[in-house]
Every structure is written in C-alpha cells, then in structure tokens.
Amino acid sequence: MIFGYLYGKGLIKNGSKIFYFWCWLAKQRGYQLYLIPMHIVKGYYYGYSTKQIYYFIKGIIEKKLYKERLK
C-alpha cells in the first residue's frame, strides 16, 4: 500500500530497484491476500456492487478471472 502511495506521488520511478521490488512483491501470493481488506474498502468507496467485489476477491483467492466481476 505504501509503495502505491509513493509511486503516485512520483517518489518511485519506473525502472528503479524499488519499483522492481514492488512489482515482484505484487506477484507474491501472500501480499495479494494481505491486500484483500483494502480492496473491499476501496470497492465500497468507489461504489462497486457487492457482487463485483465478491467475484474480484474470489478471483484473487482462486487465481481466476471471473466475467461476473465486470457486470
């Protein structure tokens, strides 16, 4: 979460070592599961339906892409 904030503020540049570390970290399963509560809160904040949030989280857990999350 902190890396996204720093990237948004321009403190992390594309191609830097910290950027590559962030990309590696984002691909790790534990990190993805760790961010699920943040995705739930952001989903409600931005007005996504409960069904969309459910299928997005289910996709993270099961490593699948569900078309229902886009409806």
N, C-alpha and C. Protein backbone atom coordinates (compact mmCIF):
# COMPACT_ATOMS: atom_id res chain seq x y z
N MET A 1 0.83 -1.18 0.00
CA MET A 1 0.00 0.00 0.00
C MET A 1 0.87 1.25 0.00
N ILE A 2 1.94 1.21 0.75
CA ILE A 2 2.80 2.38 0.83
C ILE A 2 3.52 2.61 -0.50
N PHE A 3 3.83 1.51 -1.21
CA PHE A 3 4.51 1.66 -2.49
C PHE A 3 3.61 2.37 -3.51
N GLY A 4 2.33 2.05 -3.51
CA GLY A 4 1.39 2.72 -4.41
C GLY A 4 1.28 4.20 -4.12
N TYR A 5 1.30 4.54 -2.86
CA TYR A 5 1.25 5.96 -2.47
C TYR A 5 2.51 6.68 -2.95
N LEU A 6 3.66 6.06 -2.71
CA LEU A 6 4.92 6.68 -3.13
C LEU A 6 5.01 6.79 -4.64
N TYR A 7 4.52 5.79 -5.35
CA TYR A 7 4.53 5.83 -6.81
C TYR A 7 3.60 6.93 -7.32
N GLY A 8 2.45 7.07 -6.69
CA GLY A 8 1.51 8.11 -7.08
C GLY A 8 2.06 9.51 -6.86
N LYS A 9 2.88 9.67 -5.84
CA LYS A 9 3.49 10.98 -5.56
C LYS A 9 4.74 11.24 -6.40
N GLY A 10 5.16 10.24 -7.17
CA GLY A 10 6.32 10.41 -8.03
C GLY A 10 7.64 10.15 -7.33
N LEU A 11 7.62 9.56 -6.15
CA LEU A 11 8.86 9.30 -5.42
C LEU A 11 9.52 7.99 -5.85
N ILE A 12 8.75 7.11 -6.51
CA ILE A 12 9.30 5.89 -7.07
C ILE A 12 9.18 6.00 -8.58
N LYS A 13 10.28 5.85 -9.27
CA LYS A 13 10.30 5.98 -10.73
C LYS A 13 10.31 4.61 -11.39
N ASN A 14 9.72 4.53 -12.58
CA ASN A 14 9.77 3.29 -13.36
C ASN A 14 11.23 2.93 -13.64
N GLY A 15 11.56 1.65 -13.46
CA GLY A 15 12.92 1.19 -13.74
C GLY A 15 13.85 1.22 -12.55
N SER A 16 13.41 1.79 -11.43
CA SER A 16 14.28 1.81 -10.26
C SER A 16 14.24 0.46 -9.54
N LYS A 17 15.20 0.23 -8.68
CA LYS A 17 15.26 -1.04 -7.96
C LYS A 17 14.06 -1.21 -7.04
N ILE A 18 13.60 -0.14 -6.40
CA ILE A 18 12.45 -0.23 -5.51
C ILE A 18 11.18 -0.52 -6.31
N PHE A 19 11.11 0.00 -7.54
CA PHE A 19 9.96 -0.28 -8.41
C PHE A 19 9.93 -1.76 -8.77
N TYR A 20 11.08 -2.32 -9.12
CA TYR A 20 11.14 -3.75 -9.45
C TYR A 20 10.84 -4.61 -8.24
N PHE A 21 11.24 -4.17 -7.06
CA PHE A 21 10.91 -4.89 -5.84
C PHE A 21 9.39 -4.87 -5.62
N TRP A 22 8.77 -3.74 -5.85
CA TRP A 22 7.33 -3.60 -5.71
C TRP A 22 6.61 -4.52 -6.69
N CYS A 23 7.09 -4.59 -7.94
CA CYS A 23 6.48 -5.48 -8.93
C CYS A 23 6.62 -6.94 -8.51
N TRP A 24 7.78 -7.32 -8.00
CA TRP A 24 7.99 -8.68 -7.53
C TRP A 24 7.07 -8.97 -6.35
N LEU A 25 6.97 -8.04 -5.44
CA LEU A 25 6.13 -8.21 -4.27
C LEU A 25 4.66 -8.37 -4.65
N ALA A 26 4.22 -7.61 -5.65
CA ALA A 26 2.82 -7.67 -6.09
C ALA A 26 2.46 -9.04 -6.66
N LYS A 27 3.44 -9.77 -7.16
CA LYS A 27 3.18 -11.09 -7.72
C LYS A 27 3.16 -12.19 -6.66
N GLN A 28 3.56 -11.88 -5.45
CA GLN A 28 3.61 -12.87 -4.39
C GLN A 28 2.21 -13.10 -3.82
N ARG A 29 1.90 -14.35 -3.60
CA ARG A 29 0.56 -14.75 -3.15
C ARG A 29 0.20 -14.14 -1.78
N GLY A 30 1.10 -14.18 -0.86
CA GLY A 30 0.83 -13.65 0.48
C GLY A 30 0.51 -12.17 0.46
N TYR A 31 1.21 -11.42 -0.36
CA TYR A 31 0.98 -9.98 -0.46
C TYR A 31 -0.40 -9.70 -1.05
N GLN A 32 -0.81 -10.50 -2.05
CA GLN A 32 -2.13 -10.33 -2.65
C GLN A 32 -3.23 -10.59 -1.62
N LEU A 33 -3.06 -11.64 -0.83
CA LEU A 33 -4.06 -11.95 0.19
C LEU A 33 -4.07 -10.89 1.29
N TYR A 34 -2.92 -10.34 1.60
CA TYR A 34 -2.80 -9.30 2.62
C TYR A 34 -3.59 -8.05 2.24
N LEU A 35 -3.71 -7.78 0.94
CA LEU A 35 -4.37 -6.56 0.48
C LEU A 35 -5.88 -6.70 0.27
N ILE A 36 -6.45 -7.88 0.53
CA ILE A 36 -7.89 -8.09 0.33
C ILE A 36 -8.74 -7.09 1.12
N PRO A 37 -8.48 -6.84 2.41
CA PRO A 37 -9.31 -5.86 3.12
C PRO A 37 -9.28 -4.46 2.47
N MET A 38 -8.14 -4.06 1.94
CA MET A 38 -8.05 -2.78 1.27
C MET A 38 -8.93 -2.77 0.02
N HIS A 39 -8.94 -3.87 -0.73
CA HIS A 39 -9.76 -3.94 -1.93
C HIS A 39 -11.24 -3.87 -1.58
N ILE A 40 -11.64 -4.48 -0.49
CA ILE A 40 -13.04 -4.44 -0.07
C ILE A 40 -13.46 -3.01 0.26
N VAL A 41 -12.66 -2.33 1.05
CA VAL A 41 -12.96 -0.95 1.44
C VAL A 41 -12.98 -0.04 0.22
N LYS A 42 -11.98 -0.16 -0.65
CA LYS A 42 -11.95 0.69 -1.84
C LYS A 42 -13.12 0.39 -2.77
N GLY A 43 -13.52 -0.87 -2.85
CA GLY A 43 -14.65 -1.23 -3.70
C GLY A 43 -15.93 -0.55 -3.25
N TYR A 44 -16.18 -0.57 -1.93
CA TYR A 44 -17.37 0.12 -1.42
C TYR A 44 -17.25 1.63 -1.57
N TYR A 45 -16.06 2.16 -1.38
CA TYR A 45 -15.84 3.60 -1.50
C TYR A 45 -16.14 4.08 -2.92
N TYR A 46 -15.68 3.32 -3.91
CA TYR A 46 -15.86 3.72 -5.31
C TYR A 46 -17.20 3.27 -5.89
N GLY A 47 -18.04 2.64 -5.08
CA GLY A 47 -19.40 2.34 -5.48
C GLY A 47 -19.59 1.04 -6.25
N TYR A 48 -18.68 0.12 -6.15
CA TYR A 48 -18.88 -1.17 -6.79
C TYR A 48 -19.92 -1.99 -6.03
N SER A 49 -20.63 -2.85 -6.74
CA SER A 49 -21.64 -3.67 -6.09
C SER A 49 -20.98 -4.76 -5.26
N THR A 50 -21.74 -5.31 -4.34
CA THR A 50 -21.23 -6.40 -3.50
C THR A 50 -20.86 -7.61 -4.36
N LYS A 51 -21.63 -7.84 -5.42
CA LYS A 51 -21.35 -8.96 -6.32
C LYS A 51 -20.01 -8.76 -7.03
N GLN A 52 -19.73 -7.55 -7.50
CA GLN A 52 -18.46 -7.28 -8.16
C GLN A 52 -17.29 -7.47 -7.21
N ILE A 53 -17.43 -6.97 -6.00
CA ILE A 53 -16.36 -7.12 -5.01
C ILE A 53 -16.15 -8.58 -4.67
N TYR A 54 -17.26 -9.32 -4.51
CA TYR A 54 -17.18 -10.74 -4.19
C TYR A 54 -16.40 -11.50 -5.26
N TYR A 55 -16.73 -11.29 -6.53
CA TYR A 55 -16.05 -12.02 -7.60
C TYR A 55 -14.61 -11.55 -7.77
N PHE A 56 -14.31 -10.29 -7.47
CA PHE A 56 -12.93 -9.82 -7.52
C PHE A 56 -12.10 -10.53 -6.45
N ILE A 57 -12.61 -10.59 -5.23
CA ILE A 57 -11.90 -11.25 -4.14
C ILE A 57 -11.81 -12.75 -4.39
N LYS A 58 -12.88 -13.35 -4.89
CA LYS A 58 -12.87 -14.77 -5.21
C LYS A 58 -11.82 -15.06 -6.29
N GLY A 59 -11.67 -14.17 -7.24
CA GLY A 59 -10.66 -14.32 -8.28
C GLY A 59 -9.24 -14.25 -7.73
N ILE A 60 -9.03 -13.40 -6.73
CA ILE A 60 -7.71 -13.33 -6.10
C ILE A 60 -7.41 -14.63 -5.37
N ILE A 61 -8.38 -15.12 -4.62
CA ILE A 61 -8.17 -16.32 -3.81
C ILE A 61 -7.97 -17.55 -4.69
N GLU A 62 -8.78 -17.69 -5.74
CA GLU A 62 -8.73 -18.89 -6.58
C GLU A 62 -7.84 -18.74 -7.81
N LYS A 63 -7.23 -17.58 -7.98
CA LYS A 63 -6.36 -17.28 -9.12
C LYS A 63 -7.09 -17.46 -10.45
N LYS A 64 -8.30 -16.90 -10.54
CA LYS A 64 -9.11 -16.97 -11.74
C LYS A 64 -9.66 -15.58 -12.05
N LEU A 65 -10.07 -15.39 -13.28
CA LEU A 65 -10.72 -14.15 -13.69
C LEU A 65 -12.18 -14.47 -13.97
N TYR A 66 -13.07 -13.86 -13.22
CA TYR A 66 -14.50 -14.09 -13.39
C TYR A 66 -15.13 -12.95 -14.18
N LYS A 67 -15.89 -13.28 -15.20
CA LYS A 67 -16.54 -12.26 -16.01
C LYS A 67 -17.62 -11.54 -15.21
N GLU A 68 -18.16 -12.18 -14.17
CA GLU A 68 -19.20 -11.56 -13.37
C GLU A 68 -18.73 -10.31 -12.64
N ARG A 69 -17.42 -10.19 -12.42
CA ARG A 69 -16.92 -9.03 -11.69
C ARG A 69 -16.98 -7.76 -12.51
N LEU A 70 -17.19 -7.90 -13.81
CA LEU A 70 -17.25 -6.74 -14.67
C LEU A 70 -18.66 -6.25 -14.92
N LYS A 71 -19.66 -6.98 -14.43
CA LYS A 71 -21.06 -6.60 -14.65
C LYS A 71 -21.58 -5.71 -13.55
